[in-house]
Amino acid sequence: MGKMVHAQRKRIHPYKFNMWVAMGSIVMMFAGFTSAYLVMQSRSTWQSFELPEVFWFSTAVILVSSGTIQWAYRSFKAHNMGRYKMLITVTAVLGLVFLASQTTGFAELYERGLKLDWNVSVALLYIIAGAHMLHVLGGVVALLIIFIRAYRRKVRSYDPIPIEVVATYWHFVDVLWIYLYVFFLWIR
């Protein structure tokens, strides 16, 4: 009986397992994207361009949001629901600010004449960063779901798994953006 209880404790929760599998798949997808970018860069038609300055701002925003979601998770585990609600709200707002600043950056590129048909270098940037923005949007939706749950529940459930899964994913899209941004700055 003791071995069975011990074995059950070592099992990973299905939500966590699914999240790790999904993140592994996403890593593979972006590894393929950035590999394609490197291969295409060797073409004679490749053209370099400057990234919008607003991407620095969006990078700072997503870094701060990673801190706020971690603090929210700790507050939830400590049963400090007031602080948890505030920090989940701040994290959701920062997620939306990140998406808005990214949209602003791509609008700036478009205004400079850097459109999808301009060159393969810009097309790949739009595809890679656009795919990242879709993943961030998925994270914002998850944040909004736990935000709504935090404010509507009459009976408190202190199961930390949902917030832990969302926080893990949010940290993941944060690290992924840092990787992509450094990649684009370095490889231009």
N, C-alpha and C. Protein backbone atom coordinates (compact mmCIF):
# COMPACT_ATOMS: atom_id res chain seq x y z
N MET A 1 0.82 -1.19 0.00
CA MET A 1 0.00 0.00 0.00
C MET A 1 0.87 1.26 0.00
N GLY A 2 1.95 1.27 0.80
CA GLY A 2 2.84 2.42 0.85
C GLY A 2 3.50 2.72 -0.49
N LYS A 3 3.85 1.66 -1.23
CA LYS A 3 4.46 1.84 -2.56
C LYS A 3 3.47 2.46 -3.53
N MET A 4 2.21 2.07 -3.41
CA MET A 4 1.19 2.59 -4.31
C MET A 4 0.99 4.09 -4.08
N VAL A 5 0.91 4.51 -2.85
CA VAL A 5 0.78 5.93 -2.52
C VAL A 5 2.00 6.69 -3.01
N HIS A 6 3.18 6.13 -2.78
CA HIS A 6 4.42 6.77 -3.23
C HIS A 6 4.45 6.90 -4.75
N ALA A 7 4.01 5.85 -5.46
CA ALA A 7 3.98 5.88 -6.93
C ALA A 7 3.00 6.93 -7.43
N GLN A 8 1.87 7.09 -6.75
CA GLN A 8 0.90 8.09 -7.17
C GLN A 8 1.43 9.50 -6.98
N ARG A 9 2.22 9.72 -5.98
CA ARG A 9 2.79 11.05 -5.75
C ARG A 9 3.78 11.45 -6.83
N LYS A 10 4.42 10.50 -7.44
CA LYS A 10 5.42 10.79 -8.45
C LYS A 10 4.81 11.03 -9.83
N ARG A 11 3.54 10.71 -9.98
CA ARG A 11 2.87 10.91 -11.27
C ARG A 11 2.71 12.40 -11.54
N ILE A 12 2.86 12.74 -12.81
CA ILE A 12 2.63 14.13 -13.20
C ILE A 12 1.14 14.29 -13.53
N HIS A 13 0.58 15.40 -13.13
CA HIS A 13 -0.83 15.68 -13.41
C HIS A 13 -1.03 15.72 -14.92
N PRO A 14 -2.16 15.19 -15.42
CA PRO A 14 -2.40 15.17 -16.87
C PRO A 14 -2.33 16.55 -17.52
N TYR A 15 -2.81 17.59 -16.83
CA TYR A 15 -2.74 18.94 -17.40
C TYR A 15 -1.29 19.38 -17.58
N LYS A 16 -0.48 19.08 -16.57
CA LYS A 16 0.94 19.44 -16.67
C LYS A 16 1.61 18.64 -17.78
N PHE A 17 1.31 17.36 -17.85
CA PHE A 17 1.91 16.52 -18.88
C PHE A 17 1.55 17.05 -20.27
N ASN A 18 0.27 17.35 -20.48
CA ASN A 18 -0.17 17.87 -21.77
C ASN A 18 0.51 19.20 -22.10
N MET A 19 0.69 20.03 -21.08
CA MET A 19 1.36 21.32 -21.30
C MET A 19 2.80 21.11 -21.74
N TRP A 20 3.50 20.19 -21.09
CA TRP A 20 4.90 19.94 -21.46
C TRP A 20 5.01 19.35 -22.86
N VAL A 21 4.07 18.48 -23.23
CA VAL A 21 4.07 17.92 -24.59
C VAL A 21 3.81 19.04 -25.60
N ALA A 22 2.84 19.90 -25.30
CA ALA A 22 2.53 21.01 -26.20
C ALA A 22 3.73 21.95 -26.33
N MET A 23 4.38 22.25 -25.22
CA MET A 23 5.54 23.16 -25.28
C MET A 23 6.68 22.52 -26.07
N GLY A 24 6.86 21.22 -25.93
CA GLY A 24 7.88 20.53 -26.73
C GLY A 24 7.59 20.64 -28.22
N SER A 25 6.33 20.49 -28.58
CA SER A 25 5.93 20.62 -29.98
C SER A 25 6.15 22.04 -30.49
N ILE A 26 5.82 23.01 -29.66
CA ILE A 26 6.00 24.41 -30.05
C ILE A 26 7.49 24.72 -30.23
N VAL A 27 8.32 24.19 -29.35
CA VAL A 27 9.77 24.39 -29.49
C VAL A 27 10.24 23.83 -30.82
N MET A 28 9.77 22.65 -31.17
CA MET A 28 10.17 22.04 -32.45
C MET A 28 9.71 22.90 -33.62
N MET A 29 8.51 23.44 -33.54
CA MET A 29 8.00 24.29 -34.62
C MET A 29 8.87 25.53 -34.79
N PHE A 30 9.19 26.20 -33.68
CA PHE A 30 9.99 27.41 -33.78
C PHE A 30 11.45 27.11 -34.13
N ALA A 31 11.94 25.94 -33.76
CA ALA A 31 13.28 25.54 -34.19
C ALA A 31 13.29 25.39 -35.71
N GLY A 32 12.22 24.82 -36.25
CA GLY A 32 12.10 24.71 -37.71
C GLY A 32 12.01 26.08 -38.37
N PHE A 33 11.21 26.96 -37.78
CA PHE A 33 11.09 28.32 -38.33
C PHE A 33 12.44 29.05 -38.35
N THR A 34 13.13 29.01 -37.22
CA THR A 34 14.40 29.75 -37.17
C THR A 34 15.47 29.08 -38.03
N SER A 35 15.40 27.77 -38.18
CA SER A 35 16.32 27.08 -39.09
C SER A 35 16.05 27.51 -40.52
N ALA A 36 14.79 27.60 -40.89
CA ALA A 36 14.43 28.06 -42.24
C ALA A 36 14.93 29.49 -42.45
N TYR A 37 14.81 30.31 -41.43
CA TYR A 37 15.30 31.69 -41.51
C TYR A 37 16.80 31.70 -41.80
N LEU A 38 17.55 30.87 -41.09
CA LEU A 38 19.00 30.80 -41.30
C LEU A 38 19.35 30.30 -42.71
N VAL A 39 18.62 29.30 -43.18
CA VAL A 39 18.88 28.76 -44.51
C VAL A 39 18.56 29.80 -45.58
N MET A 40 17.42 30.46 -45.43
CA MET A 40 17.01 31.45 -46.42
C MET A 40 17.91 32.68 -46.43
N GLN A 41 18.56 32.94 -45.31
CA GLN A 41 19.43 34.11 -45.22
C GLN A 41 20.61 34.01 -46.19
N SER A 42 20.98 32.80 -46.57
CA SER A 42 22.12 32.62 -47.47
C SER A 42 21.76 32.94 -48.93
N ARG A 43 20.50 33.18 -49.21
CA ARG A 43 20.08 33.50 -50.58
C ARG A 43 20.58 34.88 -50.97
N SER A 44 20.86 35.05 -52.24
CA SER A 44 21.38 36.33 -52.73
C SER A 44 20.32 37.44 -52.67
N THR A 45 19.06 37.08 -52.60
CA THR A 45 17.99 38.08 -52.57
C THR A 45 17.65 38.53 -51.16
N TRP A 46 18.34 38.01 -50.17
CA TRP A 46 18.06 38.35 -48.77
C TRP A 46 18.33 39.83 -48.52
N GLN A 47 17.44 40.50 -47.81
CA GLN A 47 17.64 41.91 -47.48
C GLN A 47 17.44 42.11 -45.98
N SER A 48 18.35 42.84 -45.38
CA SER A 48 18.26 43.12 -43.94
C SER A 48 17.38 44.34 -43.71
N PHE A 49 16.90 44.48 -42.49
CA PHE A 49 16.06 45.61 -42.11
C PHE A 49 16.17 45.80 -40.61
N GLU A 50 15.80 46.96 -40.15
CA GLU A 50 15.83 47.27 -38.72
C GLU A 50 14.50 46.91 -38.08
N LEU A 51 14.57 46.35 -36.89
CA LEU A 51 13.35 46.04 -36.14
C LEU A 51 12.84 47.31 -35.45
N PRO A 52 11.54 47.45 -35.30
CA PRO A 52 10.98 48.62 -34.61
C PRO A 52 11.44 48.68 -33.15
N GLU A 53 11.66 49.89 -32.66
CA GLU A 53 12.07 50.11 -31.27
C GLU A 53 11.01 49.63 -30.27
N VAL A 54 9.75 49.61 -30.69
CA VAL A 54 8.67 49.20 -29.78
C VAL A 54 8.85 47.74 -29.33
N PHE A 55 9.62 46.96 -30.07
CA PHE A 55 9.86 45.58 -29.65
C PHE A 55 10.66 45.52 -28.36
N TRP A 56 11.49 46.54 -28.10
CA TRP A 56 12.18 46.59 -26.80
C TRP A 56 11.15 46.74 -25.69
N PHE A 57 10.19 47.63 -25.92
CA PHE A 57 9.13 47.85 -24.93
C PHE A 57 8.33 46.57 -24.71
N SER A 58 7.93 45.90 -25.80
CA SER A 58 7.13 44.68 -25.65
C SER A 58 7.92 43.60 -24.92
N THR A 59 9.23 43.57 -25.12
CA THR A 59 10.07 42.61 -24.41
C THR A 59 10.06 42.90 -22.91
N ALA A 60 10.17 44.17 -22.55
CA ALA A 60 10.12 44.54 -21.13
C ALA A 60 8.76 44.19 -20.54
N VAL A 61 7.70 44.42 -21.29
CA VAL A 61 6.34 44.13 -20.81
C VAL A 61 6.17 42.64 -20.53
N ILE A 62 6.62 41.80 -21.44
CA ILE A 62 6.42 40.36 -21.23
C ILE A 62 7.31 39.84 -20.10
N LEU A 63 8.48 40.46 -19.92
CA LEU A 63 9.33 40.07 -18.78
C LEU A 63 8.65 40.43 -17.45
N VAL A 64 8.10 41.62 -17.37
CA VAL A 64 7.40 42.03 -16.15
C VAL A 64 6.20 41.12 -15.91
N SER A 65 5.47 40.78 -16.97
CA SER A 65 4.30 39.93 -16.81
C SER A 65 4.67 38.54 -16.31
N SER A 66 5.85 38.08 -16.66
CA SER A 66 6.31 36.79 -16.16
C SER A 66 6.51 36.87 -14.64
N GLY A 67 7.00 38.01 -14.18
CA GLY A 67 7.15 38.21 -12.73
C GLY A 67 5.81 38.30 -12.03
N THR A 68 4.86 39.01 -12.64
CA THR A 68 3.56 39.17 -11.98
C THR A 68 2.79 37.86 -11.92
N ILE A 69 2.92 37.02 -12.94
CA ILE A 69 2.19 35.74 -12.87
C ILE A 69 2.83 34.81 -11.84
N GLN A 70 4.14 34.89 -11.70
CA GLN A 70 4.79 34.06 -10.69
C GLN A 70 4.37 34.51 -9.29
N TRP A 71 4.31 35.81 -9.09
CA TRP A 71 3.87 36.36 -7.82
C TRP A 71 2.40 36.00 -7.58
N ALA A 72 1.58 36.01 -8.65
CA ALA A 72 0.17 35.61 -8.52
C ALA A 72 0.07 34.16 -8.08
N TYR A 73 0.87 33.31 -8.69
CA TYR A 73 0.86 31.88 -8.34
C TYR A 73 1.22 31.68 -6.86
N ARG A 74 2.24 32.38 -6.42
CA ARG A 74 2.65 32.28 -5.00
C ARG A 74 1.55 32.81 -4.08
N SER A 75 0.89 33.87 -4.48
CA SER A 75 -0.20 34.43 -3.69
C SER A 75 -1.36 33.45 -3.62
N PHE A 76 -1.66 32.79 -4.72
CA PHE A 76 -2.72 31.80 -4.74
C PHE A 76 -2.40 30.66 -3.79
N LYS A 77 -1.18 30.16 -3.86
CA LYS A 77 -0.78 29.05 -2.99
C LYS A 77 -0.82 29.46 -1.51
N ALA A 78 -0.60 30.75 -1.24
CA ALA A 78 -0.65 31.25 0.13
C ALA A 78 -2.08 31.63 0.55
N HIS A 79 -3.05 31.38 -0.34
CA HIS A 79 -4.46 31.68 -0.10
C HIS A 79 -4.70 33.17 0.09
N ASN A 80 -3.85 34.01 -0.52
CA ASN A 80 -4.04 35.45 -0.48
C ASN A 80 -4.79 35.85 -1.76
N MET A 81 -6.10 35.66 -1.74
CA MET A 81 -6.90 35.84 -2.95
C MET A 81 -6.96 37.29 -3.42
N GLY A 82 -6.89 38.24 -2.50
CA GLY A 82 -6.89 39.65 -2.90
C GLY A 82 -5.68 39.97 -3.76
N ARG A 83 -4.51 39.57 -3.29
CA ARG A 83 -3.28 39.81 -4.06
C ARG A 83 -3.29 38.99 -5.35
N TYR A 84 -3.78 37.76 -5.27
CA TYR A 84 -3.85 36.91 -6.46
C TYR A 84 -4.71 37.57 -7.54
N LYS A 85 -5.89 38.04 -7.18
CA LYS A 85 -6.78 38.68 -8.15
C LYS A 85 -6.11 39.90 -8.78
N MET A 86 -5.48 40.72 -7.96
CA MET A 86 -4.81 41.90 -8.47
C MET A 86 -3.71 41.53 -9.46
N LEU A 87 -2.89 40.54 -9.10
CA LEU A 87 -1.75 40.16 -9.95
C LEU A 87 -2.18 39.43 -11.22
N ILE A 88 -3.23 38.64 -11.15
CA ILE A 88 -3.75 38.00 -12.37
C ILE A 88 -4.31 39.08 -13.30
N THR A 89 -4.97 40.07 -12.73
CA THR A 89 -5.49 41.18 -13.53
C THR A 89 -4.34 41.92 -14.21
N VAL A 90 -3.30 42.24 -13.45
CA VAL A 90 -2.14 42.95 -14.00
C VAL A 90 -1.49 42.11 -15.10
N THR A 91 -1.35 40.81 -14.87
CA THR A 91 -0.72 39.93 -15.87
C THR A 91 -1.54 39.89 -17.15
N ALA A 92 -2.86 39.78 -17.03
CA ALA A 92 -3.73 39.76 -18.21
C ALA A 92 -3.62 41.07 -18.99
N VAL A 93 -3.61 42.18 -18.27
CA VAL A 93 -3.47 43.49 -18.92
C VAL A 93 -2.11 43.59 -19.62
N LEU A 94 -1.05 43.14 -18.95
CA LEU A 94 0.28 43.18 -19.57
C LEU A 94 0.34 42.29 -20.82
N GLY A 95 -0.36 41.16 -20.79
CA GLY A 95 -0.44 40.31 -21.97
C GLY A 95 -1.08 41.04 -23.14
N LEU A 96 -2.15 41.76 -22.85
CA LEU A 96 -2.81 42.55 -23.89
C LEU A 96 -1.92 43.69 -24.38
N VAL A 97 -1.19 44.32 -23.45
CA VAL A 97 -0.25 45.39 -23.83
C VAL A 97 0.86 44.83 -24.72
N PHE A 98 1.34 43.62 -24.40
CA PHE A 98 2.36 42.98 -25.24
C PHE A 98 1.82 42.80 -26.66
N LEU A 99 0.62 42.26 -26.78
CA LEU A 99 0.03 42.04 -28.11
C LEU A 99 -0.16 43.37 -28.85
N ALA A 100 -0.62 44.39 -28.14
CA ALA A 100 -0.82 45.70 -28.76
C ALA A 100 0.51 46.30 -29.23
N SER A 101 1.55 46.16 -28.42
CA SER A 101 2.85 46.73 -28.82
C SER A 101 3.45 45.95 -29.99
N GLN A 102 3.22 44.64 -30.02
CA GLN A 102 3.68 43.85 -31.17
C GLN A 102 2.94 44.29 -32.44
N THR A 103 1.64 44.49 -32.32
CA THR A 103 0.85 44.95 -33.46
C THR A 103 1.34 46.31 -33.93
N THR A 104 1.66 47.19 -33.00
CA THR A 104 2.21 48.49 -33.34
C THR A 104 3.53 48.34 -34.09
N GLY A 105 4.39 47.44 -33.64
CA GLY A 105 5.67 47.20 -34.31
C GLY A 105 5.50 46.71 -35.73
N PHE A 106 4.55 45.80 -35.93
CA PHE A 106 4.33 45.29 -37.28
C PHE A 106 3.65 46.32 -38.17
N ALA A 107 2.82 47.17 -37.57
CA ALA A 107 2.22 48.27 -38.34
C ALA A 107 3.33 49.23 -38.79
N GLU A 108 4.31 49.46 -37.93
CA GLU A 108 5.44 50.32 -38.29
C GLU A 108 6.23 49.71 -39.45
N LEU A 109 6.48 48.43 -39.39
CA LEU A 109 7.18 47.76 -40.50
C LEU A 109 6.38 47.91 -41.79
N TYR A 110 5.08 47.74 -41.70
CA TYR A 110 4.22 47.85 -42.87
C TYR A 110 4.26 49.26 -43.45
N GLU A 111 4.24 50.26 -42.56
CA GLU A 111 4.30 51.66 -43.00
C GLU A 111 5.63 51.98 -43.67
N ARG A 112 6.69 51.30 -43.26
CA ARG A 112 8.00 51.47 -43.90
C ARG A 112 8.08 50.77 -45.25
N GLY A 113 7.01 50.11 -45.62
CA GLY A 113 6.99 49.39 -46.89
C GLY A 113 7.46 47.96 -46.79
N LEU A 114 7.69 47.49 -45.59
CA LEU A 114 8.15 46.11 -45.38
C LEU A 114 6.93 45.21 -45.24
N LYS A 115 6.42 44.76 -46.38
CA LYS A 115 5.22 43.94 -46.42
C LYS A 115 5.61 42.50 -46.69
N LEU A 116 4.64 41.62 -46.58
CA LEU A 116 4.90 40.19 -46.78
C LEU A 116 5.55 39.91 -48.13
N ASP A 117 5.20 40.68 -49.14
CA ASP A 117 5.76 40.44 -50.47
C ASP A 117 7.05 41.22 -50.73
N TRP A 118 7.55 41.96 -49.73
CA TRP A 118 8.76 42.77 -49.92
C TRP A 118 9.98 41.89 -50.13
N ASN A 119 10.19 40.95 -49.24
CA ASN A 119 11.33 40.05 -49.32
C ASN A 119 11.07 38.86 -48.41
N VAL A 120 11.73 37.76 -48.69
CA VAL A 120 11.54 36.56 -47.87
C VAL A 120 11.95 36.82 -46.41
N SER A 121 12.91 37.72 -46.19
CA SER A 121 13.34 38.01 -44.82
C SER A 121 12.20 38.59 -44.00
N VAL A 122 11.46 39.51 -44.57
CA VAL A 122 10.33 40.11 -43.86
C VAL A 122 9.18 39.11 -43.74
N ALA A 123 8.95 38.34 -44.79
CA ALA A 123 7.88 37.34 -44.75
C ALA A 123 8.11 36.35 -43.62
N LEU A 124 9.35 35.90 -43.47
CA LEU A 124 9.66 34.95 -42.38
C LEU A 124 9.50 35.61 -41.01
N LEU A 125 9.89 36.88 -40.90
CA LEU A 125 9.69 37.59 -39.63
C LEU A 125 8.21 37.63 -39.29
N TYR A 126 7.37 38.01 -40.25
CA TYR A 126 5.93 38.08 -40.02
C TYR A 126 5.38 36.70 -39.62
N ILE A 127 5.82 35.67 -40.30
CA ILE A 127 5.32 34.32 -40.01
C ILE A 127 5.74 33.87 -38.62
N ILE A 128 7.03 34.04 -38.30
CA ILE A 128 7.55 33.57 -37.01
C ILE A 128 6.95 34.37 -35.85
N ALA A 129 7.02 35.69 -35.96
CA ALA A 129 6.50 36.52 -34.87
C ALA A 129 4.97 36.41 -34.80
N GLY A 130 4.32 36.26 -35.94
CA GLY A 130 2.87 36.08 -35.95
C GLY A 130 2.47 34.79 -35.25
N ALA A 131 3.22 33.73 -35.49
CA ALA A 131 2.95 32.45 -34.81
C ALA A 131 3.15 32.62 -33.30
N HIS A 132 4.17 33.39 -32.91
CA HIS A 132 4.38 33.63 -31.48
C HIS A 132 3.22 34.42 -30.90
N MET A 133 2.77 35.44 -31.64
CA MET A 133 1.65 36.24 -31.15
C MET A 133 0.39 35.38 -30.96
N LEU A 134 0.18 34.41 -31.83
CA LEU A 134 -0.97 33.51 -31.66
C LEU A 134 -0.83 32.69 -30.39
N HIS A 135 0.39 32.26 -30.09
CA HIS A 135 0.61 31.50 -28.85
C HIS A 135 0.42 32.40 -27.62
N VAL A 136 0.85 33.65 -27.72
CA VAL A 136 0.62 34.60 -26.62
C VAL A 136 -0.87 34.85 -26.46
N LEU A 137 -1.58 34.98 -27.58
CA LEU A 137 -3.03 35.17 -27.52
C LEU A 137 -3.69 34.00 -26.79
N GLY A 138 -3.23 32.78 -27.08
CA GLY A 138 -3.73 31.61 -26.35
C GLY A 138 -3.46 31.73 -24.86
N GLY A 139 -2.29 32.25 -24.51
CA GLY A 139 -1.95 32.48 -23.10
C GLY A 139 -2.83 33.54 -22.47
N VAL A 140 -3.14 34.60 -23.23
CA VAL A 140 -4.01 35.66 -22.72
C VAL A 140 -5.41 35.10 -22.48
N VAL A 141 -5.89 34.26 -23.39
CA VAL A 141 -7.21 33.63 -23.19
C VAL A 141 -7.20 32.80 -21.91
N ALA A 142 -6.13 32.01 -21.71
CA ALA A 142 -6.02 31.22 -20.47
C ALA A 142 -5.98 32.13 -19.25
N LEU A 143 -5.25 33.24 -19.35
CA LEU A 143 -5.20 34.21 -18.24
C LEU A 143 -6.59 34.78 -17.96
N LEU A 144 -7.31 35.10 -19.02
CA LEU A 144 -8.65 35.66 -18.84
C LEU A 144 -9.59 34.64 -18.21
N ILE A 145 -9.43 33.37 -18.55
CA ILE A 145 -10.26 32.32 -17.94
C ILE A 145 -9.99 32.23 -16.44
N ILE A 146 -8.72 32.20 -16.04
CA ILE A 146 -8.46 32.11 -14.59
C ILE A 146 -8.78 33.43 -13.90
N PHE A 147 -8.71 34.56 -14.64
CA PHE A 147 -9.12 35.85 -14.11
C PHE A 147 -10.62 35.82 -13.78
N ILE A 148 -11.42 35.35 -14.73
CA ILE A 148 -12.87 35.26 -14.52
C ILE A 148 -13.18 34.32 -13.37
N ARG A 149 -12.51 33.19 -13.32
CA ARG A 149 -12.74 32.24 -12.23
C ARG A 149 -12.38 32.85 -10.87
N ALA A 150 -11.34 33.65 -10.84
CA ALA A 150 -10.92 34.26 -9.57
C ALA A 150 -11.99 35.20 -9.04
N TYR A 151 -12.71 35.86 -9.92
CA TYR A 151 -13.69 36.85 -9.49
C TYR A 151 -15.10 36.30 -9.34
N ARG A 152 -15.41 35.15 -9.93
CA ARG A 152 -16.79 34.68 -9.88
C ARG A 152 -17.05 33.56 -8.89
N ARG A 153 -16.04 32.91 -8.43
CA ARG A 153 -16.25 31.75 -7.55
C ARG A 153 -16.75 32.16 -6.18
N LYS A 154 -17.81 31.50 -5.77
CA LYS A 154 -18.32 31.70 -4.42
C LYS A 154 -17.61 30.74 -3.47
N VAL A 155 -17.45 29.50 -3.90
CA VAL A 155 -16.74 28.51 -3.12
C VAL A 155 -15.32 28.46 -3.65
N ARG A 156 -14.38 28.72 -2.81
CA ARG A 156 -12.97 28.77 -3.22
C ARG A 156 -12.40 27.36 -3.36
N SER A 157 -11.79 27.14 -4.47
CA SER A 157 -11.05 25.90 -4.69
C SER A 157 -9.57 26.30 -4.73
N TYR A 158 -8.82 25.76 -3.85
CA TYR A 158 -7.40 26.12 -3.81
C TYR A 158 -6.53 25.09 -4.52
N ASP A 159 -7.06 24.55 -5.62
CA ASP A 159 -6.27 23.65 -6.45
C ASP A 159 -5.32 24.50 -7.28
N PRO A 160 -4.02 24.40 -7.03
CA PRO A 160 -3.08 25.27 -7.73
C PRO A 160 -2.73 24.82 -9.15
N ILE A 161 -3.22 23.65 -9.56
CA ILE A 161 -2.83 23.11 -10.87
C ILE A 161 -3.20 24.05 -12.03
N PRO A 162 -4.42 24.57 -12.13
CA PRO A 162 -4.73 25.44 -13.28
C PRO A 162 -3.82 26.67 -13.36
N ILE A 163 -3.62 27.36 -12.24
CA ILE A 163 -2.75 28.54 -12.27
C ILE A 163 -1.31 28.14 -12.54
N GLU A 164 -0.89 27.00 -12.03
CA GLU A 164 0.48 26.54 -12.28
C GLU A 164 0.69 26.25 -13.77
N VAL A 165 -0.30 25.62 -14.40
CA VAL A 165 -0.20 25.31 -15.83
C VAL A 165 -0.17 26.61 -16.64
N VAL A 166 -1.05 27.54 -16.31
CA VAL A 166 -1.08 28.82 -17.03
C VAL A 166 0.23 29.57 -16.82
N ALA A 167 0.73 29.60 -15.59
CA ALA A 167 1.99 30.29 -15.30
C ALA A 167 3.15 29.65 -16.06
N THR A 168 3.18 28.33 -16.10
CA THR A 168 4.25 27.64 -16.83
C THR A 168 4.21 28.02 -18.30
N TYR A 169 3.02 28.00 -18.88
CA TYR A 169 2.87 28.37 -20.30
C TYR A 169 3.28 29.82 -20.52
N TRP A 170 2.87 30.70 -19.60
CA TRP A 170 3.19 32.12 -19.75
C TRP A 170 4.71 32.35 -19.69
N HIS A 171 5.38 31.68 -18.77
CA HIS A 171 6.84 31.77 -18.72
C HIS A 171 7.45 31.26 -20.02
N PHE A 172 6.85 30.22 -20.55
CA PHE A 172 7.33 29.62 -21.80
C PHE A 172 7.24 30.62 -22.96
N VAL A 173 6.08 31.29 -23.13
CA VAL A 173 5.98 32.24 -24.25
C VAL A 173 6.88 33.43 -24.01
N ASP A 174 7.15 33.75 -22.76
CA ASP A 174 8.11 34.81 -22.43
C ASP A 174 9.51 34.42 -22.91
N VAL A 175 9.96 33.26 -22.51
CA VAL A 175 11.30 32.79 -22.91
C VAL A 175 11.37 32.64 -24.43
N LEU A 176 10.30 32.17 -25.03
CA LEU A 176 10.27 32.01 -26.48
C LEU A 176 10.43 33.36 -27.17
N TRP A 177 9.74 34.40 -26.68
CA TRP A 177 9.89 35.73 -27.28
C TRP A 177 11.32 36.24 -27.11
N ILE A 178 11.90 36.07 -25.94
CA ILE A 178 13.28 36.52 -25.72
C ILE A 178 14.20 35.83 -26.74
N TYR A 179 14.04 34.53 -26.89
CA TYR A 179 14.83 33.79 -27.87
C TYR A 179 14.64 34.37 -29.27
N LEU A 180 13.39 34.56 -29.68
CA LEU A 180 13.12 35.06 -31.03
C LEU A 180 13.66 36.47 -31.22
N TYR A 181 13.47 37.33 -30.23
CA TYR A 181 13.93 38.71 -30.36
C TYR A 181 15.45 38.77 -30.47
N VAL A 182 16.14 38.04 -29.61
CA VAL A 182 17.61 37.99 -29.68
C VAL A 182 18.03 37.39 -31.03
N PHE A 183 17.35 36.37 -31.46
CA PHE A 183 17.64 35.75 -32.76
C PHE A 183 17.53 36.78 -33.88
N PHE A 184 16.42 37.52 -33.91
CA PHE A 184 16.22 38.50 -34.97
C PHE A 184 17.22 39.65 -34.90
N LEU A 185 17.58 40.06 -33.70
CA LEU A 185 18.57 41.13 -33.55
C LEU A 185 19.95 40.66 -34.00
N TRP A 186 20.28 39.44 -33.65
CA TRP A 186 21.61 38.90 -33.94
C TRP A 186 21.77 38.50 -35.39
N ILE A 187 20.74 37.93 -35.98
CA ILE A 187 20.86 37.30 -37.29
C ILE A 187 20.59 38.26 -38.45
N ARG A 188 19.97 39.39 -38.21
CA ARG A 188 19.58 40.30 -39.29
C ARG A 188 20.64 40.33 -40.33
